[in-house]
Amino acid sequence: MNTPVTIAASRTQTSTLATGATFLGLSGYALTTRKNFSFMNGEK
């Protein structure tokens, strides 16, 4: 009867880990390549 809670916690944990891995991967890429991402500032 506690299966929905387990599934919800598992999805939350998985999405948190995926977000963290993506953030760390992209941060590492930007720091390693020293690329300039100032074009992504949103201003025209």
Protein backbone atom coordinates (compact mmCIF):
# COMPACT_ATOMS: atom_id res chain seq x y z
CA MET A 1 0.00 0.00 0.00
CA ASN A 2 2.97 2.32 0.21
CA THR A 3 3.94 1.69 -3.43
CA PRO A 4 2.84 5.15 -4.75
CA VAL A 5 5.06 6.86 -2.19
CA THR A 6 8.03 4.70 -3.21
CA ILE A 7 7.45 5.41 -6.91
CA ALA A 8 7.13 9.16 -6.29
CA ALA A 9 10.30 9.21 -4.19
CA SER A 10 12.14 7.23 -6.82
CA ARG A 11 11.11 9.62 -9.59
CA THR A 12 12.07 12.61 -7.49
CA GLN A 13 15.43 11.11 -6.68
CA THR A 14 16.07 10.16 -10.30
CA SER A 15 15.16 13.62 -11.61
CA THR A 16 17.31 15.30 -8.97
CA LEU A 17 20.31 13.15 -9.86
CA ALA A 18 19.77 13.72 -13.59
CA THR A 19 19.56 17.49 -13.08
CA GLY A 20 22.70 17.49 -10.95
CA ALA A 21 24.62 15.37 -13.46
CA THR A 22 23.57 17.64 -16.32
CA PHE A 23 24.56 20.76 -14.41
CA LEU A 24 27.94 19.37 -13.42
CA GLY A 25 28.61 18.06 -16.92
CA LEU A 26 27.80 21.34 -18.62
CA SER A 27 29.70 23.34 -16.00
CA GLY A 28 32.73 21.12 -16.49
CA TYR A 29 32.48 21.50 -20.25
CA ALA A 30 32.31 25.30 -20.01
CA LEU A 31 35.23 25.47 -17.58
CA THR A 32 37.37 23.00 -19.54
CA THR A 33 36.86 24.51 -22.99
CA ARG A 34 36.77 28.11 -21.70
CA LYS A 35 34.08 28.92 -24.25
CA ASN A 36 32.31 32.26 -24.07
CA PHE A 37 28.58 31.74 -23.58
CA SER A 38 27.73 35.44 -23.31
CA PHE A 39 25.52 35.14 -26.42
CA MET A 40 22.98 33.32 -24.21
CA ASN A 41 22.23 36.39 -22.05
CA GLY A 42 18.74 36.86 -23.54
CA GLU A 43 19.22 40.46 -24.66
CA LYS A 44 18.87 41.47 -28.28
